[in-house]
Amino acid sequence: MEQCIIKSPLGYTKIVGDDEGISEVVILNSEEKETDIIPTELEDCVIQLKEYFEGTRKSFDLKLNPQGTDFQKLIWELLQEIPYGKTISYLQLSKRLGDVKAIRAVANANGKNPIWIIVPCHRVIGKDGSLTGYAGGLNRKKWLIEHENPYKQQRLF
């Protein structure tokens, strides 16, 4: 496995992968040294993440290889169907799965997503519209949702 660390607007980000695909993209809660030479296997991921943060990329075209249970992988695939700039609730995600009673398992799988941003777990919110749970912190989830929102709310006063 190859890995690198890049700096993003939300902090240092670790990317892990190989010829089989990207297996991990995580935000780090500490300052790290950026990788000087990006491994060839990770170059496309680094480029596409930078484009995303610049606002020029709305979808990713990468080979992914997340490690998890079959159920988790199914949920992660469903997450990738949520369009850029849109959010859904955990209940809606459970309905897409076909089992509304699995809402806790769905939320748990969402929380274990190892591929930050590319598998957009930040687009899942509470049914009341609240920003519930996010491994990277709610401040980052809020930033990501606002970054993807094409209609910026103007302050009235």
N, C-alpha and C. Protein backbone atom coordinates (compact mmCIF):
# COMPACT_ATOMS: atom_id res chain seq x y z
N MET A 1 0.83 -1.19 0.00
CA MET A 1 0.00 0.00 0.00
C MET A 1 0.87 1.24 0.00
N GLU A 2 0.47 2.19 -0.82
CA GLU A 2 1.14 3.49 -0.87
C GLU A 2 0.33 4.47 -0.05
N GLN A 3 0.98 5.51 0.45
CA GLN A 3 0.23 6.54 1.14
C GLN A 3 0.89 7.89 0.95
N CYS A 4 0.10 8.93 1.13
CA CYS A 4 0.62 10.28 1.08
C CYS A 4 -0.24 11.16 1.99
N ILE A 5 0.29 12.32 2.29
CA ILE A 5 -0.43 13.30 3.09
C ILE A 5 -0.43 14.60 2.31
N ILE A 6 -1.64 15.16 2.16
CA ILE A 6 -1.80 16.45 1.49
C ILE A 6 -2.50 17.40 2.45
N LYS A 7 -2.39 18.67 2.15
CA LYS A 7 -3.09 19.67 2.95
C LYS A 7 -4.35 20.08 2.20
N SER A 8 -5.47 20.11 2.92
CA SER A 8 -6.73 20.55 2.34
C SER A 8 -7.24 21.74 3.16
N PRO A 9 -8.29 22.40 2.69
CA PRO A 9 -8.85 23.51 3.46
C PRO A 9 -9.36 23.08 4.84
N LEU A 10 -9.57 21.78 5.03
CA LEU A 10 -10.10 21.28 6.29
C LEU A 10 -9.05 20.60 7.16
N GLY A 11 -7.81 20.61 6.72
CA GLY A 11 -6.74 19.99 7.49
C GLY A 11 -5.94 19.01 6.65
N TYR A 12 -5.02 18.37 7.30
CA TYR A 12 -4.17 17.39 6.61
C TYR A 12 -4.98 16.13 6.33
N THR A 13 -4.77 15.58 5.14
CA THR A 13 -5.54 14.44 4.67
C THR A 13 -4.59 13.32 4.26
N LYS A 14 -4.86 12.13 4.78
CA LYS A 14 -4.05 10.96 4.42
C LYS A 14 -4.81 10.15 3.37
N ILE A 15 -4.08 9.78 2.32
CA ILE A 15 -4.63 8.98 1.24
C ILE A 15 -3.84 7.68 1.17
N VAL A 16 -4.54 6.55 1.12
CA VAL A 16 -3.90 5.24 1.06
C VAL A 16 -4.51 4.46 -0.09
N GLY A 17 -3.67 3.77 -0.85
CA GLY A 17 -4.17 2.95 -1.94
C GLY A 17 -3.05 2.27 -2.68
N ASP A 18 -3.43 1.50 -3.68
CA ASP A 18 -2.47 0.79 -4.53
C ASP A 18 -3.12 0.57 -5.90
N ASP A 19 -2.58 -0.35 -6.67
CA ASP A 19 -3.12 -0.61 -8.00
C ASP A 19 -4.57 -1.10 -7.96
N GLU A 20 -5.00 -1.63 -6.83
CA GLU A 20 -6.37 -2.13 -6.67
C GLU A 20 -7.35 -0.99 -6.43
N GLY A 21 -6.85 0.20 -6.08
CA GLY A 21 -7.72 1.35 -5.87
C GLY A 21 -7.43 2.07 -4.57
N ILE A 22 -8.17 3.13 -4.35
CA ILE A 22 -8.04 3.93 -3.13
C ILE A 22 -8.79 3.21 -2.02
N SER A 23 -8.10 2.98 -0.91
CA SER A 23 -8.74 2.27 0.20
C SER A 23 -9.03 3.18 1.39
N GLU A 24 -8.38 4.35 1.41
CA GLU A 24 -8.59 5.22 2.56
C GLU A 24 -8.28 6.67 2.20
N VAL A 25 -9.18 7.56 2.59
CA VAL A 25 -8.95 9.01 2.54
C VAL A 25 -9.53 9.52 3.84
N VAL A 26 -8.66 9.96 4.74
CA VAL A 26 -9.12 10.40 6.06
C VAL A 26 -8.51 11.75 6.42
N ILE A 27 -9.29 12.53 7.14
CA ILE A 27 -8.82 13.81 7.65
C ILE A 27 -8.08 13.54 8.96
N LEU A 28 -6.97 14.17 9.12
CA LEU A 28 -6.17 13.99 10.34
C LEU A 28 -6.42 15.16 11.28
N ASN A 29 -6.40 14.90 12.54
CA ASN A 29 -6.63 15.95 13.53
C ASN A 29 -5.33 16.49 14.10
N SER A 30 -4.29 16.38 13.32
CA SER A 30 -2.99 16.90 13.74
C SER A 30 -2.25 17.43 12.52
N GLU A 31 -1.27 18.27 12.78
CA GLU A 31 -0.45 18.75 11.67
C GLU A 31 0.54 17.67 11.29
N GLU A 32 0.69 17.48 10.02
CA GLU A 32 1.59 16.46 9.50
C GLU A 32 2.46 17.10 8.42
N LYS A 33 3.50 16.41 8.07
CA LYS A 33 4.34 16.87 6.97
C LYS A 33 3.71 16.39 5.66
N GLU A 34 3.53 17.33 4.74
CA GLU A 34 3.00 16.95 3.44
C GLU A 34 4.01 16.07 2.71
N THR A 35 3.49 15.14 1.94
CA THR A 35 4.33 14.25 1.15
C THR A 35 4.96 15.03 0.00
N ASP A 36 6.27 14.90 -0.14
CA ASP A 36 6.98 15.61 -1.20
C ASP A 36 6.71 15.01 -2.58
N ILE A 37 6.77 13.69 -2.65
CA ILE A 37 6.56 13.00 -3.93
C ILE A 37 5.35 12.09 -3.79
N ILE A 38 4.31 12.39 -4.56
CA ILE A 38 3.07 11.60 -4.50
C ILE A 38 3.26 10.30 -5.28
N PRO A 39 2.98 9.15 -4.65
CA PRO A 39 3.07 7.88 -5.38
C PRO A 39 2.15 7.88 -6.60
N THR A 40 2.61 7.28 -7.66
CA THR A 40 1.87 7.24 -8.92
C THR A 40 0.44 6.74 -8.72
N GLU A 41 0.26 5.74 -7.88
CA GLU A 41 -1.06 5.14 -7.66
C GLU A 41 -2.05 6.12 -7.03
N LEU A 42 -1.54 7.18 -6.42
CA LEU A 42 -2.39 8.13 -5.70
C LEU A 42 -2.53 9.48 -6.40
N GLU A 43 -1.80 9.66 -7.50
CA GLU A 43 -1.79 10.96 -8.18
C GLU A 43 -3.17 11.43 -8.60
N ASP A 44 -3.97 10.56 -9.23
CA ASP A 44 -5.29 10.96 -9.69
C ASP A 44 -6.17 11.38 -8.51
N CYS A 45 -6.07 10.67 -7.41
CA CYS A 45 -6.86 11.00 -6.24
C CYS A 45 -6.48 12.38 -5.71
N VAL A 46 -5.20 12.66 -5.62
CA VAL A 46 -4.73 13.97 -5.14
C VAL A 46 -5.24 15.08 -6.07
N ILE A 47 -5.11 14.88 -7.36
CA ILE A 47 -5.57 15.88 -8.34
C ILE A 47 -7.07 16.12 -8.20
N GLN A 48 -7.84 15.03 -8.13
CA GLN A 48 -9.29 15.17 -8.07
C GLN A 48 -9.75 15.81 -6.76
N LEU A 49 -9.10 15.50 -5.66
CA LEU A 49 -9.45 16.15 -4.40
C LEU A 49 -9.15 17.65 -4.45
N LYS A 50 -8.02 18.01 -5.03
CA LYS A 50 -7.70 19.44 -5.17
C LYS A 50 -8.73 20.14 -6.03
N GLU A 51 -9.15 19.50 -7.12
CA GLU A 51 -10.18 20.08 -7.98
C GLU A 51 -11.50 20.23 -7.22
N TYR A 52 -11.83 19.25 -6.41
CA TYR A 52 -13.05 19.33 -5.59
C TYR A 52 -12.99 20.55 -4.68
N PHE A 53 -11.88 20.73 -3.99
CA PHE A 53 -11.76 21.86 -3.07
C PHE A 53 -11.72 23.20 -3.81
N GLU A 54 -11.23 23.20 -5.03
CA GLU A 54 -11.22 24.43 -5.84
C GLU A 54 -12.60 24.74 -6.41
N GLY A 55 -13.52 23.78 -6.31
CA GLY A 55 -14.87 23.97 -6.81
C GLY A 55 -15.05 23.63 -8.28
N THR A 56 -14.05 22.97 -8.88
CA THR A 56 -14.15 22.62 -10.29
C THR A 56 -14.52 21.16 -10.53
N ARG A 57 -14.63 20.38 -9.48
CA ARG A 57 -15.00 18.96 -9.61
C ARG A 57 -16.20 18.66 -8.73
N LYS A 58 -17.21 18.01 -9.34
CA LYS A 58 -18.43 17.66 -8.60
C LYS A 58 -18.61 16.16 -8.45
N SER A 59 -17.83 15.39 -9.18
CA SER A 59 -17.88 13.93 -9.03
C SER A 59 -16.47 13.38 -9.23
N PHE A 60 -16.26 12.21 -8.69
CA PHE A 60 -14.94 11.59 -8.73
C PHE A 60 -14.94 10.40 -9.67
N ASP A 61 -13.82 10.21 -10.34
CA ASP A 61 -13.64 9.10 -11.27
C ASP A 61 -12.39 8.35 -10.84
N LEU A 62 -12.54 7.57 -9.78
CA LEU A 62 -11.41 6.85 -9.21
C LEU A 62 -11.79 5.39 -8.96
N LYS A 63 -10.82 4.53 -9.06
CA LYS A 63 -11.02 3.14 -8.67
C LYS A 63 -10.93 3.09 -7.14
N LEU A 64 -11.98 2.58 -6.50
CA LEU A 64 -12.02 2.52 -5.04
C LEU A 64 -11.90 1.08 -4.56
N ASN A 65 -11.28 0.92 -3.42
CA ASN A 65 -11.10 -0.40 -2.82
C ASN A 65 -11.20 -0.30 -1.30
N PRO A 66 -12.37 0.15 -0.80
CA PRO A 66 -12.52 0.27 0.65
C PRO A 66 -12.60 -1.11 1.31
N GLN A 67 -12.07 -1.19 2.50
CA GLN A 67 -12.10 -2.45 3.25
C GLN A 67 -13.22 -2.39 4.27
N GLY A 68 -14.12 -3.35 4.22
CA GLY A 68 -15.24 -3.40 5.15
C GLY A 68 -16.07 -4.64 4.90
N THR A 69 -17.15 -4.75 5.67
CA THR A 69 -18.06 -5.88 5.49
C THR A 69 -18.87 -5.67 4.21
N ASP A 70 -19.54 -6.72 3.76
CA ASP A 70 -20.38 -6.61 2.57
C ASP A 70 -21.47 -5.57 2.79
N PHE A 71 -22.06 -5.54 3.99
CA PHE A 71 -23.10 -4.57 4.30
C PHE A 71 -22.55 -3.15 4.24
N GLN A 72 -21.40 -2.93 4.83
CA GLN A 72 -20.78 -1.61 4.80
C GLN A 72 -20.52 -1.18 3.36
N LYS A 73 -19.97 -2.07 2.56
CA LYS A 73 -19.68 -1.75 1.16
C LYS A 73 -20.95 -1.40 0.40
N LEU A 74 -22.05 -2.08 0.71
CA LEU A 74 -23.32 -1.77 0.07
C LEU A 74 -23.77 -0.35 0.43
N ILE A 75 -23.66 0.01 1.69
CA ILE A 75 -24.03 1.36 2.13
C ILE A 75 -23.12 2.39 1.46
N TRP A 76 -21.83 2.11 1.39
CA TRP A 76 -20.89 3.05 0.77
C TRP A 76 -21.20 3.24 -0.71
N GLU A 77 -21.69 2.19 -1.37
CA GLU A 77 -22.11 2.32 -2.76
C GLU A 77 -23.34 3.22 -2.86
N LEU A 78 -24.28 3.06 -1.93
CA LEU A 78 -25.47 3.91 -1.92
C LEU A 78 -25.10 5.37 -1.68
N LEU A 79 -24.11 5.60 -0.83
CA LEU A 79 -23.67 6.98 -0.57
C LEU A 79 -23.18 7.66 -1.84
N GLN A 80 -22.53 6.89 -2.71
CA GLN A 80 -21.99 7.45 -3.94
C GLN A 80 -23.08 7.87 -4.92
N GLU A 81 -24.32 7.46 -4.67
CA GLU A 81 -25.44 7.84 -5.53
C GLU A 81 -26.05 9.18 -5.12
N ILE A 82 -25.64 9.73 -3.97
CA ILE A 82 -26.18 11.01 -3.53
C ILE A 82 -25.50 12.10 -4.36
N PRO A 83 -26.28 12.88 -5.09
CA PRO A 83 -25.68 13.90 -5.97
C PRO A 83 -24.96 15.01 -5.19
N TYR A 84 -23.99 15.57 -5.83
CA TYR A 84 -23.26 16.73 -5.32
C TYR A 84 -24.26 17.82 -4.98
N GLY A 85 -24.09 18.44 -3.83
CA GLY A 85 -24.95 19.54 -3.43
C GLY A 85 -26.28 19.12 -2.83
N LYS A 86 -26.52 17.83 -2.71
CA LYS A 86 -27.77 17.33 -2.15
C LYS A 86 -27.49 16.60 -0.84
N THR A 87 -28.50 16.54 0.01
CA THR A 87 -28.39 15.75 1.24
C THR A 87 -29.60 14.85 1.34
N ILE A 88 -29.42 13.76 2.08
CA ILE A 88 -30.54 12.88 2.41
C ILE A 88 -30.42 12.54 3.89
N SER A 89 -31.49 12.02 4.44
CA SER A 89 -31.47 11.62 5.85
C SER A 89 -31.05 10.16 5.98
N TYR A 90 -30.70 9.79 7.20
CA TYR A 90 -30.38 8.38 7.47
C TYR A 90 -31.60 7.52 7.16
N LEU A 91 -32.80 8.03 7.45
CA LEU A 91 -34.02 7.28 7.15
C LEU A 91 -34.17 7.07 5.65
N GLN A 92 -33.93 8.12 4.87
CA GLN A 92 -34.01 7.99 3.41
C GLN A 92 -32.98 6.98 2.89
N LEU A 93 -31.78 6.99 3.48
CA LEU A 93 -30.75 6.04 3.08
C LEU A 93 -31.19 4.62 3.41
N SER A 94 -31.83 4.44 4.56
CA SER A 94 -32.35 3.12 4.94
C SER A 94 -33.44 2.66 3.96
N LYS A 95 -34.26 3.62 3.52
CA LYS A 95 -35.30 3.28 2.54
C LYS A 95 -34.68 2.86 1.22
N ARG A 96 -33.61 3.55 0.81
CA ARG A 96 -32.92 3.16 -0.42
C ARG A 96 -32.36 1.75 -0.32
N LEU A 97 -31.93 1.40 0.89
CA LEU A 97 -31.44 0.05 1.14
C LEU A 97 -32.58 -0.95 1.05
N GLY A 98 -33.81 -0.49 1.37
CA GLY A 98 -34.97 -1.36 1.33
C GLY A 98 -35.37 -1.88 2.70
N ASP A 99 -34.83 -1.27 3.76
CA ASP A 99 -35.14 -1.73 5.11
C ASP A 99 -35.07 -0.56 6.09
N VAL A 100 -36.22 0.07 6.37
CA VAL A 100 -36.23 1.23 7.26
C VAL A 100 -35.84 0.86 8.69
N LYS A 101 -35.97 -0.40 9.04
CA LYS A 101 -35.60 -0.83 10.39
C LYS A 101 -34.08 -0.92 10.57
N ALA A 102 -33.35 -0.84 9.48
CA ALA A 102 -31.89 -0.96 9.54
C ALA A 102 -31.21 0.39 9.73
N ILE A 103 -31.96 1.39 10.17
CA ILE A 103 -31.44 2.76 10.23
C ILE A 103 -30.18 2.86 11.09
N ARG A 104 -30.13 2.14 12.22
CA ARG A 104 -28.93 2.21 13.06
C ARG A 104 -27.74 1.54 12.40
N ALA A 105 -27.97 0.42 11.75
CA ALA A 105 -26.88 -0.27 11.04
C ALA A 105 -26.39 0.60 9.88
N VAL A 106 -27.31 1.27 9.22
CA VAL A 106 -26.95 2.16 8.11
C VAL A 106 -26.10 3.32 8.63
N ALA A 107 -26.53 3.91 9.75
CA ALA A 107 -25.78 5.03 10.34
C ALA A 107 -24.40 4.57 10.79
N ASN A 108 -24.32 3.37 11.34
CA ASN A 108 -23.03 2.83 11.79
C ASN A 108 -22.10 2.60 10.60
N ALA A 109 -22.62 2.03 9.51
CA ALA A 109 -21.80 1.81 8.31
C ALA A 109 -21.36 3.15 7.71
N ASN A 110 -22.25 4.12 7.73
CA ASN A 110 -21.93 5.46 7.24
C ASN A 110 -20.76 6.03 8.04
N GLY A 111 -20.79 5.85 9.35
CA GLY A 111 -19.74 6.36 10.22
C GLY A 111 -18.40 5.67 10.05
N LYS A 112 -18.41 4.48 9.48
CA LYS A 112 -17.16 3.72 9.30
C LYS A 112 -16.60 3.89 7.88
N ASN A 113 -17.19 4.77 7.10
CA ASN A 113 -16.72 5.03 5.75
C ASN A 113 -15.24 5.44 5.77
N PRO A 114 -14.36 4.68 5.11
CA PRO A 114 -12.94 5.00 5.14
C PRO A 114 -12.48 5.97 4.04
N ILE A 115 -13.40 6.37 3.16
CA ILE A 115 -12.99 7.19 2.03
C ILE A 115 -13.75 8.52 2.07
N TRP A 116 -13.22 9.43 2.87
CA TRP A 116 -13.77 10.76 3.12
C TRP A 116 -13.99 11.52 1.82
N ILE A 117 -15.06 12.24 1.72
CA ILE A 117 -15.46 13.10 0.60
C ILE A 117 -15.81 12.31 -0.66
N ILE A 118 -14.92 11.44 -1.13
CA ILE A 118 -15.15 10.70 -2.37
C ILE A 118 -16.37 9.79 -2.22
N VAL A 119 -16.49 9.12 -1.09
CA VAL A 119 -17.71 8.42 -0.70
C VAL A 119 -18.39 9.38 0.27
N PRO A 120 -19.38 10.15 -0.22
CA PRO A 120 -19.84 11.35 0.49
C PRO A 120 -20.76 11.12 1.69
N CYS A 121 -20.20 10.58 2.74
CA CYS A 121 -20.99 10.36 3.95
C CYS A 121 -21.42 11.68 4.59
N HIS A 122 -20.75 12.77 4.25
CA HIS A 122 -21.13 14.07 4.80
C HIS A 122 -22.49 14.54 4.28
N ARG A 123 -23.00 13.92 3.24
CA ARG A 123 -24.28 14.32 2.66
C ARG A 123 -25.48 13.69 3.36
N VAL A 124 -25.22 12.92 4.41
CA VAL A 124 -26.30 12.29 5.17
C VAL A 124 -26.51 13.08 6.45
N ILE A 125 -27.76 13.50 6.65
CA ILE A 125 -28.11 14.35 7.80
C ILE A 125 -29.29 13.74 8.55
N GLY A 126 -29.63 14.35 9.67
CA GLY A 126 -30.78 13.89 10.43
C GLY A 126 -32.07 14.20 9.69
N LYS A 127 -33.15 13.46 9.99
CA LYS A 127 -34.41 13.66 9.26
C LYS A 127 -35.00 15.05 9.49
N ASP A 128 -34.57 15.73 10.57
CA ASP A 128 -35.03 17.09 10.83
C ASP A 128 -34.10 18.14 10.20
N GLY A 129 -33.12 17.68 9.41
CA GLY A 129 -32.19 18.58 8.75
C GLY A 129 -30.96 18.91 9.57
N SER A 130 -30.85 18.33 10.75
CA SER A 130 -29.70 18.63 11.62
C SER A 130 -28.44 17.91 11.12
N LEU A 131 -27.31 18.50 11.42
CA LEU A 131 -26.02 17.91 11.05
C LEU A 131 -25.62 16.94 12.16
N THR A 132 -26.08 15.72 12.05
CA THR A 132 -25.78 14.73 13.07
C THR A 132 -24.54 13.96 12.71
N GLY A 133 -23.77 13.61 13.71
CA GLY A 133 -22.60 12.76 13.60
C GLY A 133 -21.75 12.88 12.35
N TYR A 134 -20.48 13.04 12.55
CA TYR A 134 -19.53 13.03 11.44
C TYR A 134 -18.15 12.78 12.04
N ALA A 135 -17.50 11.75 11.56
CA ALA A 135 -16.20 11.37 12.13
C ALA A 135 -15.17 12.49 12.04
N GLY A 136 -15.28 13.33 11.02
CA GLY A 136 -14.35 14.44 10.85
C GLY A 136 -14.72 15.67 11.65
N GLY A 137 -15.83 15.61 12.37
CA GLY A 137 -16.30 16.76 13.15
C GLY A 137 -17.41 17.51 12.43
N LEU A 138 -18.39 17.98 13.18
CA LEU A 138 -19.53 18.65 12.59
C LEU A 138 -19.15 19.95 11.88
N ASN A 139 -18.09 20.61 12.35
CA ASN A 139 -17.65 21.83 11.67
C ASN A 139 -17.20 21.52 10.25
N ARG A 140 -16.55 20.40 10.05
CA ARG A 140 -16.11 20.01 8.70
C ARG A 140 -17.30 19.57 7.85
N LYS A 141 -18.24 18.86 8.46
CA LYS A 141 -19.44 18.45 7.72
C LYS A 141 -20.18 19.68 7.23
N LYS A 142 -20.35 20.66 8.09
CA LYS A 142 -21.02 21.91 7.72
C LYS A 142 -20.27 22.59 6.57
N TRP A 143 -18.95 22.65 6.66
CA TRP A 143 -18.15 23.26 5.61
C TRP A 143 -18.37 22.55 4.28
N LEU A 144 -18.34 21.22 4.28
CA LEU A 144 -18.49 20.44 3.05
C LEU A 144 -19.86 20.65 2.42
N ILE A 145 -20.90 20.65 3.23
CA ILE A 145 -22.25 20.85 2.71
C ILE A 145 -22.38 22.25 2.13
N GLU A 146 -21.85 23.25 2.82
CA GLU A 146 -21.89 24.62 2.30
C GLU A 146 -21.04 24.77 1.04
N HIS A 147 -19.91 24.09 0.99
CA HIS A 147 -19.04 24.13 -0.19
C HIS A 147 -19.76 23.59 -1.43
N GLU A 148 -20.59 22.57 -1.23
CA GLU A 148 -21.29 21.94 -2.34
C GLU A 148 -22.61 22.63 -2.68
N ASN A 149 -23.08 23.51 -1.82
CA ASN A 149 -24.37 24.14 -2.04
C ASN A 149 -24.24 25.23 -3.10
N PRO A 150 -24.93 25.08 -4.21
CA PRO A 150 -24.81 26.08 -5.27
C PRO A 150 -25.48 27.40 -4.93
N TYR A 151 -26.34 27.39 -3.95
CA TYR A 151 -27.06 28.60 -3.57
C TYR A 151 -26.60 29.04 -2.20
N LYS A 152 -25.72 29.99 -2.16
CA LYS A 152 -25.19 30.49 -0.89
C LYS A 152 -26.21 31.43 -0.25
N GLN A 153 -26.56 31.16 0.99
CA GLN A 153 -27.49 32.02 1.72
C GLN A 153 -26.81 33.34 2.02
N GLN A 154 -27.42 34.41 1.62
CA GLN A 154 -26.90 35.74 1.91
C GLN A 154 -27.42 36.17 3.27
N ARG A 155 -26.63 36.87 4.01
CA ARG A 155 -27.07 37.41 5.29
C ARG A 155 -28.04 38.54 5.02
N LEU A 156 -29.12 38.57 5.77
CA LEU A 156 -30.14 39.60 5.57
C LEU A 156 -29.82 40.87 6.35
N PHE A 157 -29.12 40.73 7.42
CA PHE A 157 -28.82 41.91 8.27
C PHE A 157 -27.35 41.99 8.57
